[in-house]
Amino acid sequence: MAASGTLPTGFGELEVLAVGTVLLVEALCGLSLNSLTIISFCKIPELRTPSHLLVLSLALADSGLSLNTLVAAASSLLWRWPYGSGGCQAHGFQGFVTALASISGSAAIAWGRHQHYCTRSQLAWSTAIPLVLFVWLSSTFWAALPLLGWGHYDYEPLGTCCTLDYSKRDRNSTSFLFTMAFFSFLVPLFITFTSYQLMEQKMARNSSLQMNTSLPARTLMFCWGPYALLHLYATIADASSLSPKLQMVPALIAKTVPTINAIAYALGSEMGSRGPWKCLSLQRSKWKRAQ
């Protein structure tokens, strides 16, 4: 991985600034949209339901991921990582926790929707709360393992942010990458895909199902699939054979997740009409009355 403090090999000054600008836009979009979702859940009583708790959990994870991206953007615009080795470990851990919580949170929402549409039973608080706790505890568990010696956090090729180190091909790193990818990506992807497929089959003749059942699984595949492929490639070949610019592409794609999820699960769903847009309307009405 690239070291911090110097301009990384393979990148020019304008390219680093361009990456920093893209990261900044991704971070601000994700933060603003997910913050709106969180505020709506807190301010509008009818949104405080078990199923919307899963959406809130996802919004919190994506907000954390956007904050992680904001730090990476600031470092890129500075052309260096200014927070030292300890800051790199903290940044990698926080980013990994929120990324895994985002992936698992999408799977939890898929399972919850399957329960609602296929069994006709409302998701209960006694199920939603343990499910959210499991998402965050399991994500924290996997993210803590590199700090404990199984896997490792290091600088990304750009040298201005930190993530899971996939450059080492020893047994420690390879075993962690394979195990983590299976439980933290393939299993949630399977749950997401299967849940929506069963929903589509069950409700094929029912016009009340008004959602794109293929979008969540496609989002996971598009946004996190390149990262998974990069990690898989690193376990069987030398990742340094790929250009640093190519290695940065999966990271830039993955950081679009908060914006896409906010649109798909909150602003563009049935929650949107009763939540964020209603919240904005209330704020606009208060502003007009104040005038």
C-alpha atoms as a PDB file:
ATOM      1  CA  MET A   1       0.000   0.000   0.000  1.00  0.00           C
ATOM      2  CA  ALA A   2       1.028   3.600  -0.519  1.00  0.00           C
ATOM      3  CA  ALA A   3       2.567   5.432   2.380  1.00  0.00           C
ATOM      4  CA  SER A   4       1.117   8.680   3.661  1.00  0.00           C
ATOM      5  CA  GLY A   5       2.787  12.052   3.447  1.00  0.00           C
ATOM      6  CA  THR A   6       3.874  11.967  -0.202  1.00  0.00           C
ATOM      7  CA  LEU A   7       2.083  12.045  -3.510  1.00  0.00           C
ATOM      8  CA  PRO A   8       1.284   8.389  -4.320  1.00  0.00           C
ATOM      9  CA  THR A   9       2.982   6.670  -7.234  1.00  0.00           C
ATOM     10  CA  GLY A  10       0.802   6.562 -10.330  1.00  0.00           C
ATOM     11  CA  PHE A  11      -1.192   9.684  -9.457  1.00  0.00           C
ATOM     12  CA  GLY A  12      -0.665  13.284 -10.511  1.00  0.00           C
ATOM     13  CA  GLU A  13      -1.657  16.289  -8.440  1.00  0.00           C
ATOM     14  CA  LEU A  14      -4.755  16.983 -10.539  1.00  0.00           C
ATOM     15  CA  GLU A  15      -5.805  13.334 -10.342  1.00  0.00           C
ATOM     16  CA  VAL A  16      -5.551  13.333  -6.555  1.00  0.00           C
ATOM     17  CA  LEU A  17      -7.588  16.543  -6.416  1.00  0.00           C
ATOM     18  CA  ALA A  18     -10.159  15.028  -8.788  1.00  0.00           C
ATOM     19  CA  VAL A  19     -10.507  11.960  -6.560  1.00  0.00           C
ATOM     20  CA  GLY A  20     -10.815  14.210  -3.509  1.00  0.00           C
ATOM     21  CA  THR A  21     -13.537  16.252  -5.212  1.00  0.00           C
ATOM     22  CA  VAL A  22     -15.495  13.133  -6.178  1.00  0.00           C
ATOM     23  CA  LEU A  23     -15.209  11.808  -2.622  1.00  0.00           C
ATOM     24  CA  LEU A  24     -16.377  15.156  -1.239  1.00  0.00           C
ATOM     25  CA  VAL A  25     -19.468  15.179  -3.462  1.00  0.00           C
ATOM     26  CA  GLU A  26     -20.272  11.564  -2.544  1.00  0.00           C
ATOM     27  CA  ALA A  27     -19.836  12.318   1.164  1.00  0.00           C
ATOM     28  CA  LEU A  28     -22.015  15.440   1.183  1.00  0.00           C
ATOM     29  CA  CYS A  29     -24.789  13.811  -0.865  1.00  0.00           C
ATOM     30  CA  GLY A  30     -24.843  10.745   1.375  1.00  0.00           C
ATOM     31  CA  LEU A  31     -24.761  12.786   4.583  1.00  0.00           C
ATOM     32  CA  SER A  32     -27.502  15.195   3.566  1.00  0.00           C
ATOM     33  CA  LEU A  33     -29.932  12.557   2.279  1.00  0.00           C
ATOM     34  CA  ASN A  34     -29.433  10.128   5.153  1.00  0.00           C
ATOM     35  CA  SER A  35     -29.575  12.914   7.730  1.00  0.00           C
ATOM     36  CA  LEU A  36     -32.960  13.848   6.298  1.00  0.00           C
ATOM     37  CA  THR A  37     -34.097  10.241   6.747  1.00  0.00           C
ATOM     38  CA  ILE A  38     -32.894  10.155  10.369  1.00  0.00           C
ATOM     39  CA  ILE A  39     -34.501  13.509  11.223  1.00  0.00           C
ATOM     40  CA  SER A  40     -37.795  12.385   9.664  1.00  0.00           C
ATOM     41  CA  PHE A  41     -37.839   9.210  11.761  1.00  0.00           C
ATOM     42  CA  CYS A  42     -37.248  11.243  14.916  1.00  0.00           C
ATOM     43  CA  LYS A  43     -39.787  14.001  14.184  1.00  0.00           C
ATOM     44  CA  ILE A  44     -42.700  12.151  12.552  1.00  0.00           C
ATOM     45  CA  PRO A  45     -44.447   9.727  14.951  1.00  0.00           C
ATOM     46  CA  GLU A  46     -46.093   7.550  12.278  1.00  0.00           C
ATOM     47  CA  LEU A  47     -42.669   6.597  10.960  1.00  0.00           C
ATOM     48  CA  ARG A  48     -41.609   5.064  14.258  1.00  0.00           C
ATOM     49  CA  THR A  49     -42.479   1.508  13.321  1.00  0.00           C
ATOM     50  CA  PRO A  50     -40.394  -1.699  13.515  1.00  0.00           C
ATOM     51  CA  SER A  51     -39.952  -1.869   9.742  1.00  0.00           C
ATOM     52  CA  HIS A  52     -38.812   1.749   9.568  1.00  0.00           C
ATOM     53  CA  LEU A  53     -36.371   1.053  12.404  1.00  0.00           C
ATOM     54  CA  LEU A  54     -34.484  -1.146   9.924  1.00  0.00           C
ATOM     55  CA  VAL A  55     -34.403   1.777   7.478  1.00  0.00           C
ATOM     56  CA  LEU A  56     -33.164   4.060  10.270  1.00  0.00           C
ATOM     57  CA  SER A  57     -30.379   1.597  11.069  1.00  0.00           C
ATOM     58  CA  LEU A  58     -29.359   1.563   7.417  1.00  0.00           C
ATOM     59  CA  ALA A  59     -29.401   5.374   7.301  1.00  0.00           C
ATOM     60  CA  LEU A  60     -27.165   5.529  10.391  1.00  0.00           C
ATOM     61  CA  ALA A  61     -24.722   3.071   8.802  1.00  0.00           C
ATOM     62  CA  ASP A  62     -24.673   5.022   5.553  1.00  0.00           C
ATOM     63  CA  SER A  63     -24.198   8.302   7.433  1.00  0.00           C
ATOM     64  CA  GLY A  64     -21.179   6.772   9.144  1.00  0.00           C
ATOM     65  CA  LEU A  65     -19.864   5.603   5.794  1.00  0.00           C
ATOM     66  CA  SER A  66     -20.322   9.121   4.408  1.00  0.00           C
ATOM     67  CA  LEU A  67     -18.403  10.588   7.361  1.00  0.00           C
ATOM     68  CA  ASN A  68     -15.612   8.123   6.615  1.00  0.00           C
ATOM     69  CA  THR A  69     -15.671   9.300   3.001  1.00  0.00           C
ATOM     70  CA  LEU A  70     -15.567  12.934   4.149  1.00  0.00           C
ATOM     71  CA  VAL A  71     -12.323  12.268   6.042  1.00  0.00           C
ATOM     72  CA  ALA A  72     -10.884  10.572   2.957  1.00  0.00           C
ATOM     73  CA  ALA A  73     -11.936  13.536   0.815  1.00  0.00           C
ATOM     74  CA  ALA A  74     -10.273  16.037   3.139  1.00  0.00           C
ATOM     75  CA  SER A  75      -7.064  13.994   3.161  1.00  0.00           C
ATOM     76  CA  SER A  76      -7.090  13.703  -0.626  1.00  0.00           C
ATOM     77  CA  LEU A  77      -7.477  17.451  -0.992  1.00  0.00           C
ATOM     78  CA  LEU A  78      -4.475  17.814   1.333  1.00  0.00           C
ATOM     79  CA  TRP A  79      -2.550  15.253  -0.791  1.00  0.00           C
ATOM     80  CA  ARG A  80      -1.602  13.310   2.338  1.00  0.00           C
ATOM     81  CA  TRP A  81      -2.914  11.367   5.331  1.00  0.00           C
ATOM     82  CA  PRO A  82      -2.383  13.714   8.319  1.00  0.00           C
ATOM     83  CA  TYR A  83      -3.588  11.494  11.183  1.00  0.00           C
ATOM     84  CA  GLY A  84      -0.759   8.985  11.536  1.00  0.00           C
ATOM     85  CA  SER A  85      -0.805   5.217  11.880  1.00  0.00           C
ATOM     86  CA  GLY A  86      -3.273   5.219  14.781  1.00  0.00           C
ATOM     87  CA  GLY A  87      -5.649   7.415  12.812  1.00  0.00           C
ATOM     88  CA  CYS A  88      -5.345   5.016   9.879  1.00  0.00           C
ATOM     89  CA  GLN A  89      -6.396   2.072  12.050  1.00  0.00           C
ATOM     90  CA  ALA A  90      -9.338   4.042  13.478  1.00  0.00           C
ATOM     91  CA  HIS A  91     -10.413   5.218  10.030  1.00  0.00           C
ATOM     92  CA  GLY A  92     -10.225   1.708   8.611  1.00  0.00           C
ATOM     93  CA  PHE A  93     -12.164   0.248  11.543  1.00  0.00           C
ATOM     94  CA  GLN A  94     -14.923   2.877  11.431  1.00  0.00           C
ATOM     95  CA  GLY A  95     -15.293   2.559   7.677  1.00  0.00           C
ATOM     96  CA  PHE A  96     -15.398  -1.226   7.817  1.00  0.00           C
ATOM     97  CA  VAL A  97     -18.024  -1.273  10.609  1.00  0.00           C
ATOM     98  CA  THR A  98     -20.351   1.066   8.741  1.00  0.00           C
ATOM     99  CA  ALA A  99     -19.797  -0.652   5.387  1.00  0.00           C
ATOM    100  CA  LEU A 100     -20.650  -4.077   6.817  1.00  0.00           C
ATOM    101  CA  ALA A 101     -23.635  -2.608   8.713  1.00  0.00           C
ATOM    102  CA  SER A 102     -24.859  -1.095   5.434  1.00  0.00           C
ATOM    103  CA  ILE A 103     -24.597  -4.421   3.597  1.00  0.00           C
ATOM    104  CA  SER A 104     -26.212  -6.411   6.419  1.00  0.00           C
ATOM    105  CA  GLY A 105     -28.805  -3.674   6.929  1.00  0.00           C
ATOM    106  CA  SER A 106     -29.957  -4.032   3.331  1.00  0.00           C
ATOM    107  CA  ALA A 107     -30.343  -7.774   3.891  1.00  0.00           C
ATOM    108  CA  ALA A 108     -32.303  -7.140   7.104  1.00  0.00           C
ATOM    109  CA  ILE A 109     -34.721  -4.843   5.254  1.00  0.00           C
ATOM    110  CA  ALA A 110     -35.150  -7.470   2.533  1.00  0.00           C
ATOM    111  CA  TRP A 111     -35.965 -10.132   5.132  1.00  0.00           C
ATOM    112  CA  GLY A 112     -38.379  -7.795   6.916  1.00  0.00           C
ATOM    113  CA  ARG A 113     -40.199  -6.986   3.682  1.00  0.00           C
ATOM    114  CA  HIS A 114     -40.400 -10.690   2.854  1.00  0.00           C
ATOM    115  CA  GLN A 115     -42.033 -11.322   6.213  1.00  0.00           C
ATOM    116  CA  HIS A 116     -44.548  -8.537   5.601  1.00  0.00           C
ATOM    117  CA  TYR A 117     -45.526  -9.354   2.030  1.00  0.00           C
ATOM    118  CA  CYS A 118     -45.255 -13.143   2.091  1.00  0.00           C
ATOM    119  CA  THR A 119     -46.480 -14.069   5.581  1.00  0.00           C
ATOM    120  CA  ARG A 120     -48.812 -11.082   6.010  1.00  0.00           C
ATOM    121  CA  SER A 121     -47.428 -10.560   9.505  1.00  0.00           C
ATOM    122  CA  GLN A 122     -46.258  -7.168  10.683  1.00  0.00           C
ATOM    123  CA  LEU A 123     -42.674  -6.951  11.870  1.00  0.00           C
ATOM    124  CA  ALA A 124     -42.703  -6.670  15.679  1.00  0.00           C
ATOM    125  CA  TRP A 125     -40.429  -4.555  17.845  1.00  0.00           C
ATOM    126  CA  SER A 126     -39.307  -7.754  19.574  1.00  0.00           C
ATOM    127  CA  THR A 127     -37.924  -8.899  16.220  1.00  0.00           C
ATOM    128  CA  ALA A 128     -36.728  -5.597  14.747  1.00  0.00           C
ATOM    129  CA  ILE A 129     -34.631  -4.493  17.749  1.00  0.00           C
ATOM    130  CA  PRO A 130     -32.654  -7.771  18.071  1.00  0.00           C
ATOM    131  CA  LEU A 131     -32.186  -7.768  14.294  1.00  0.00           C
ATOM    132  CA  VAL A 132     -30.698  -4.269  14.367  1.00  0.00           C
ATOM    133  CA  LEU A 133     -28.475  -5.211  17.308  1.00  0.00           C
ATOM    134  CA  PHE A 134     -27.271  -8.297  15.442  1.00  0.00           C
ATOM    135  CA  VAL A 135     -26.429  -6.205  12.365  1.00  0.00           C
ATOM    136  CA  TRP A 136     -24.276  -3.793  14.374  1.00  0.00           C
ATOM    137  CA  LEU A 137     -22.681  -6.351  16.704  1.00  0.00           C
ATOM    138  CA  SER A 138     -21.732  -8.689  13.864  1.00  0.00           C
ATOM    139  CA  SER A 139     -20.345  -5.767  11.832  1.00  0.00           C
ATOM    140  CA  THR A 140     -18.304  -4.584  14.820  1.00  0.00           C
ATOM    141  CA  PHE A 141     -17.039  -8.124  15.396  1.00  0.00           C
ATOM    142  CA  TRP A 142     -15.716  -8.532  11.855  1.00  0.00           C
ATOM    143  CA  ALA A 143     -14.252  -5.013  11.806  1.00  0.00           C
ATOM    144  CA  ALA A 144     -12.447  -5.583  15.125  1.00  0.00           C
ATOM    145  CA  LEU A 145     -10.668  -8.751  13.954  1.00  0.00           C
ATOM    146  CA  PRO A 146      -7.980  -6.881  11.924  1.00  0.00           C
ATOM    147  CA  LEU A 147      -7.199  -4.828  15.041  1.00  0.00           C
ATOM    148  CA  LEU A 148      -6.743  -8.107  16.929  1.00  0.00           C
ATOM    149  CA  GLY A 149      -4.377  -9.610  14.383  1.00  0.00           C
ATOM    150  CA  TRP A 150      -6.571 -11.461  11.866  1.00  0.00           C
ATOM    151  CA  GLY A 151      -6.337  -9.252   8.781  1.00  0.00           C
ATOM    152  CA  HIS A 152      -4.879  -5.758   8.752  1.00  0.00           C
ATOM    153  CA  TYR A 153      -5.826  -2.145   8.011  1.00  0.00           C
ATOM    154  CA  ASP A 154      -3.522  -0.074   5.823  1.00  0.00           C
ATOM    155  CA  TYR A 155      -3.496   2.846   3.384  1.00  0.00           C
ATOM    156  CA  GLU A 156      -5.422   2.561   0.126  1.00  0.00           C
ATOM    157  CA  PRO A 157      -3.400   2.966  -3.102  1.00  0.00           C
ATOM    158  CA  LEU A 158      -4.015   6.716  -3.061  1.00  0.00           C
ATOM    159  CA  GLY A 159      -2.403   6.920   0.371  1.00  0.00           C
ATOM    160  CA  THR A 160      -4.991   9.384   1.701  1.00  0.00           C
ATOM    161  CA  CYS A 161      -7.450   6.984   3.349  1.00  0.00           C
ATOM    162  CA  CYS A 162      -7.349   3.585   5.031  1.00  0.00           C
ATOM    163  CA  THR A 163      -9.149   0.311   4.480  1.00  0.00           C
ATOM    164  CA  LEU A 164      -8.709  -3.434   4.776  1.00  0.00           C
ATOM    165  CA  ASP A 165      -5.267  -4.393   3.491  1.00  0.00           C
ATOM    166  CA  TYR A 166      -5.522  -6.849   0.609  1.00  0.00           C
ATOM    167  CA  SER A 167      -1.928  -6.499  -0.603  1.00  0.00           C
ATOM    168  CA  LYS A 168      -0.529  -9.265   1.629  1.00  0.00           C
ATOM    169  CA  ARG A 169      -0.886 -12.819   0.331  1.00  0.00           C
ATOM    170  CA  ASP A 170       0.000 -14.663   3.522  1.00  0.00           C
ATOM    171  CA  ARG A 171      -2.305 -17.202   5.159  1.00  0.00           C
ATOM    172  CA  ASN A 172      -3.495 -14.688   7.754  1.00  0.00           C
ATOM    173  CA  SER A 173      -4.785 -12.160   5.231  1.00  0.00           C
ATOM    174  CA  THR A 174      -6.094 -14.716   2.727  1.00  0.00           C
ATOM    175  CA  SER A 175      -8.078 -16.692   5.294  1.00  0.00           C
ATOM    176  CA  PHE A 176      -9.622 -13.512   6.693  1.00  0.00           C
ATOM    177  CA  LEU A 177     -10.595 -12.156   3.265  1.00  0.00           C
ATOM    178  CA  PHE A 178     -12.260 -15.434   2.239  1.00  0.00           C
ATOM    179  CA  THR A 179     -14.132 -15.892   5.514  1.00  0.00           C
ATOM    180  CA  MET A 180     -15.200 -12.259   5.798  1.00  0.00           C
ATOM    181  CA  ALA A 181     -16.363 -12.107   2.170  1.00  0.00           C
ATOM    182  CA  PHE A 182     -18.497 -15.224   2.623  1.00  0.00           C
ATOM    183  CA  PHE A 183     -20.266 -14.200   5.839  1.00  0.00           C
ATOM    184  CA  SER A 184     -20.361 -10.433   5.314  1.00  0.00           C
ATOM    185  CA  PHE A 185     -21.062 -10.173   1.575  1.00  0.00           C
ATOM    186  CA  LEU A 186     -22.212 -13.444   0.004  1.00  0.00           C
ATOM    187  CA  VAL A 187     -24.624 -14.394   2.799  1.00  0.00           C
ATOM    188  CA  PRO A 188     -26.314 -10.931   2.934  1.00  0.00           C
ATOM    189  CA  LEU A 189     -26.441 -10.892  -0.868  1.00  0.00           C
ATOM    190  CA  PHE A 190     -28.106 -14.333  -0.869  1.00  0.00           C
ATOM    191  CA  ILE A 191     -30.650 -13.228   1.756  1.00  0.00           C
ATOM    192  CA  THR A 192     -31.429 -10.053  -0.188  1.00  0.00           C
ATOM    193  CA  PHE A 193     -31.780 -11.794  -3.541  1.00  0.00           C
ATOM    194  CA  THR A 194     -33.810 -14.719  -2.177  1.00  0.00           C
ATOM    195  CA  SER A 195     -36.160 -12.528  -0.118  1.00  0.00           C
ATOM    196  CA  TYR A 196     -37.113 -10.317  -3.046  1.00  0.00           C
ATOM    197  CA  GLN A 197     -37.379 -13.274  -5.419  1.00  0.00           C
ATOM    198  CA  LEU A 198     -39.844 -14.985  -3.074  1.00  0.00           C
ATOM    199  CA  MET A 199     -41.750 -11.710  -2.731  1.00  0.00           C
ATOM    200  CA  GLU A 200     -41.978 -11.347  -6.489  1.00  0.00           C
ATOM    201  CA  GLN A 201     -43.203 -14.913  -6.924  1.00  0.00           C
ATOM    202  CA  LYS A 202     -45.709 -14.616  -4.092  1.00  0.00           C
ATOM    203  CA  MET A 203     -47.086 -11.257  -5.164  1.00  0.00           C
ATOM    204  CA  ALA A 204     -46.821 -11.610  -8.943  1.00  0.00           C
ATOM    205  CA  ARG A 205     -50.587 -11.345  -9.343  1.00  0.00           C
ATOM    206  CA  ASN A 206     -51.036  -8.721  -6.668  1.00  0.00           C
ATOM    207  CA  SER A 207     -50.820  -5.136  -7.851  1.00  0.00           C
ATOM    208  CA  SER A 208     -50.209  -3.944  -4.287  1.00  0.00           C
ATOM    209  CA  LEU A 209     -46.516  -4.777  -4.580  1.00  0.00           C
ATOM    210  CA  GLN A 210     -45.184  -1.488  -5.903  1.00  0.00           C
ATOM    211  CA  MET A 211     -41.416  -1.759  -5.637  1.00  0.00           C
ATOM    212  CA  ASN A 212     -38.503  -2.773  -7.790  1.00  0.00           C
ATOM    213  CA  THR A 213     -37.641  -6.151  -6.281  1.00  0.00           C
ATOM    214  CA  SER A 214     -34.415  -6.494  -8.280  1.00  0.00           C
ATOM    215  CA  LEU A 215     -32.922  -3.099  -7.353  1.00  0.00           C
ATOM    216  CA  PRO A 216     -31.584  -3.920  -3.823  1.00  0.00           C
ATOM    217  CA  ALA A 217     -29.637  -7.001  -4.949  1.00  0.00           C
ATOM    218  CA  ARG A 218     -28.363  -5.138  -8.008  1.00  0.00           C
ATOM    219  CA  THR A 219     -27.238  -2.262  -5.791  1.00  0.00           C
ATOM    220  CA  LEU A 220     -25.244  -4.642  -3.590  1.00  0.00           C
ATOM    221  CA  MET A 221     -23.701  -6.308  -6.623  1.00  0.00           C
ATOM    222  CA  PHE A 222     -22.879  -3.063  -8.436  1.00  0.00           C
ATOM    223  CA  CYS A 223     -21.573  -1.113  -5.444  1.00  0.00           C
ATOM    224  CA  TRP A 224     -19.832  -3.817  -3.419  1.00  0.00           C
ATOM    225  CA  GLY A 225     -19.197  -6.467  -6.080  1.00  0.00           C
ATOM    226  CA  PRO A 226     -16.069  -4.715  -7.467  1.00  0.00           C
ATOM    227  CA  TYR A 227     -14.595  -4.563  -3.954  1.00  0.00           C
ATOM    228  CA  ALA A 228     -15.339  -8.266  -3.436  1.00  0.00           C
ATOM    229  CA  LEU A 229     -13.731  -9.128  -6.782  1.00  0.00           C
ATOM    230  CA  LEU A 230     -10.659  -7.040  -5.936  1.00  0.00           C
ATOM    231  CA  HIS A 231     -10.257  -8.849  -2.616  1.00  0.00           C
ATOM    232  CA  LEU A 232     -10.772 -12.220  -4.305  1.00  0.00           C
ATOM    233  CA  TYR A 233      -8.192 -11.361  -6.943  1.00  0.00           C
ATOM    234  CA  ALA A 234      -5.746 -10.367  -4.204  1.00  0.00           C
ATOM    235  CA  THR A 235      -6.022 -13.820  -2.613  1.00  0.00           C
ATOM    236  CA  ILE A 236      -4.994 -15.631  -5.804  1.00  0.00           C
ATOM    237  CA  ALA A 237      -2.695 -13.098  -7.493  1.00  0.00           C
ATOM    238  CA  ASP A 238      -0.498 -10.108  -6.720  1.00  0.00           C
ATOM    239  CA  ALA A 239      -2.762  -7.058  -6.318  1.00  0.00           C
ATOM    240  CA  SER A 240       0.183  -4.778  -7.114  1.00  0.00           C
ATOM    241  CA  SER A 241      -0.029  -6.030 -10.692  1.00  0.00           C
ATOM    242  CA  LEU A 242      -3.130  -3.834 -10.995  1.00  0.00           C
ATOM    243  CA  SER A 243      -2.547  -0.122 -11.505  1.00  0.00           C
ATOM    244  CA  PRO A 244      -3.227   2.093  -8.437  1.00  0.00           C
ATOM    245  CA  LYS A 245      -5.879   3.954 -10.417  1.00  0.00           C
ATOM    246  CA  LEU A 246      -7.717   0.708 -11.191  1.00  0.00           C
ATOM    247  CA  GLN A 247      -7.525  -0.306  -7.527  1.00  0.00           C
ATOM    248  CA  MET A 248      -9.222   2.960  -6.544  1.00  0.00           C
ATOM    249  CA  VAL A 249     -12.245   2.385  -8.788  1.00  0.00           C
ATOM    250  CA  PRO A 250     -14.031  -0.091  -6.438  1.00  0.00           C
ATOM    251  CA  ALA A 251     -13.613   2.337  -3.531  1.00  0.00           C
ATOM    252  CA  LEU A 252     -15.137   5.229  -5.475  1.00  0.00           C
ATOM    253  CA  ILE A 253     -18.054   3.045  -6.605  1.00  0.00           C
ATOM    254  CA  ALA A 254     -18.698   1.700  -3.090  1.00  0.00           C
ATOM    255  CA  LYS A 255     -18.906   5.209  -1.655  1.00  0.00           C
ATOM    256  CA  THR A 256     -22.006   5.903  -3.776  1.00  0.00           C
ATOM    257  CA  VAL A 257     -23.922   3.427  -1.586  1.00  0.00           C
ATOM    258  CA  PRO A 258     -25.230   5.980   0.968  1.00  0.00           C
ATOM    259  CA  THR A 259     -26.823   8.120  -1.735  1.00  0.00           C
ATOM    260  CA  ILE A 260     -28.325   5.169  -3.614  1.00  0.00           C
ATOM    261  CA  ASN A 261     -29.682   3.581  -0.434  1.00  0.00           C
ATOM    262  CA  ALA A 262     -31.236   6.850   0.772  1.00  0.00           C
ATOM    263  CA  ILE A 263     -33.112   7.191  -2.508  1.00  0.00           C
ATOM    264  CA  ALA A 264     -34.102   3.524  -2.752  1.00  0.00           C
ATOM    265  CA  TYR A 265     -35.145   2.846   0.857  1.00  0.00           C
ATOM    266  CA  ALA A 266     -36.377   6.241   2.105  1.00  0.00           C
ATOM    267  CA  LEU A 267     -36.880   9.083  -0.357  1.00  0.00           C
ATOM    268  CA  GLY A 268     -38.113   6.895  -3.195  1.00  0.00           C
ATOM    269  CA  SER A 269     -40.262   4.503  -1.150  1.00  0.00           C
ATOM    270  CA  GLU A 270     -43.571   4.730   0.630  1.00  0.00           C
ATOM    271  CA  MET A 271     -41.625   6.145   3.562  1.00  0.00           C
ATOM    272  CA  GLY A 272     -40.646   9.106   1.402  1.00  0.00           C
ATOM    273  CA  SER A 273     -44.143  10.479   0.955  1.00  0.00           C
ATOM    274  CA  ARG A 274     -44.811  10.281   4.688  1.00  0.00           C
ATOM    275  CA  GLY A 275     -41.309  11.042   5.897  1.00  0.00           C
ATOM    276  CA  PRO A 276     -38.539  13.203   4.418  1.00  0.00           C
ATOM    277  CA  TRP A 277     -40.760  15.132   2.015  1.00  0.00           C
ATOM    278  CA  LYS A 278     -43.357  15.699   4.736  1.00  0.00           C
ATOM    279  CA  CYS A 279     -40.596  16.838   7.077  1.00  0.00           C
ATOM    280  CA  LEU A 280     -39.376  19.332   4.501  1.00  0.00           C
ATOM    281  CA  SER A 281     -42.941  20.554   3.940  1.00  0.00           C
ATOM    282  CA  LEU A 282     -43.409  21.107   7.685  1.00  0.00           C
ATOM    283  CA  GLN A 283     -40.158  23.050   7.923  1.00  0.00           C
ATOM    284  CA  ARG A 284     -41.141  25.161   4.900  1.00  0.00           C
ATOM    285  CA  SER A 285     -44.551  25.913   6.449  1.00  0.00           C
ATOM    286  CA  LYS A 286     -42.944  26.972   9.733  1.00  0.00           C
ATOM    287  CA  TRP A 287     -40.564  29.246   7.850  1.00  0.00           C
ATOM    288  CA  LYS A 288     -43.420  30.897   5.967  1.00  0.00           C
ATOM    289  CA  ARG A 289     -45.421  31.442   9.152  1.00  0.00           C
ATOM    290  CA  ALA A 290     -42.376  32.985  10.799  1.00  0.00           C
ATOM    291  CA  GLN A 291     -42.237  35.516   7.983  1.00  0.00           C
END
